[in-house]
Amino acid sequence: MKDAELIGAAAEGDETAFQHLVKRHRSWAFGFVLKTVRDPEAAGDILQEAFVRVFKNLAKFRMESSFNTWFHRILYNLCIDYWRRSGRRIHMEYDDSLAFDGKGVGTAGGYDATSPERNNRRKEVVGILEQALDSLSLEHRTAILLREVEGLSYEEIADIIDCPKGTVMSRLHHARKKIVSFMKRYGYVSSEI
């Protein structure tokens, strides 16, 4: 069944349809929230609250955007609430199992992609990149997370964070520029970023 069919059935009270919707989206949704808040317990709580909100508001969902975009918006808002309540800053951590699959990577700079030297260098670059991301404003970090980690389009990001597409593009441009500048201060060249 497609999301639209599940949403229609769930909005009419079909609990099985809602459970299928939850199963279909919980994995990526948990990953998004976990990458954002960096606290597994909080991520679980946020995800549970998000599904409660979805269930309560399915009848109001007008299908003007995709379910994915609408659900991201709910998750985004709950993450913002979490950051505000806890006074935390976003901390994005490199996770080898999620971010690096080795596809298309051979030798570069004289290093074998699987060599300890290459892995150490990559982890070093990622550590500095984490610091660069932490130095960004909430708006810039969110735009980068949604675009580069979640792979969303400019239009989807604009819907999620409720701003014009041009603003999303501007935030991404400035965020990337700040990240590159930060990385260069630590001696990294653009091919390593």
Foldseek 3Di string as FASTA:
>chain_A
DDLVVLLVCLLVPDVVSLVVVCVVPVPVQLVLLCQWAVDNVVSVVLSVVLSVVCSVCSPVDPVPDPPVLVSLLSSVVSSVVVCVVVVDFTFGADDCVQPDDPPPAADDPNDGCPDPVNVVLLNVLRVLLRVLLSPDDPLLNLLCCCCVVVVDDLVSSCSSVVHDSVVSVVSPVVSVVSSQVSSVVVPDDPVSD
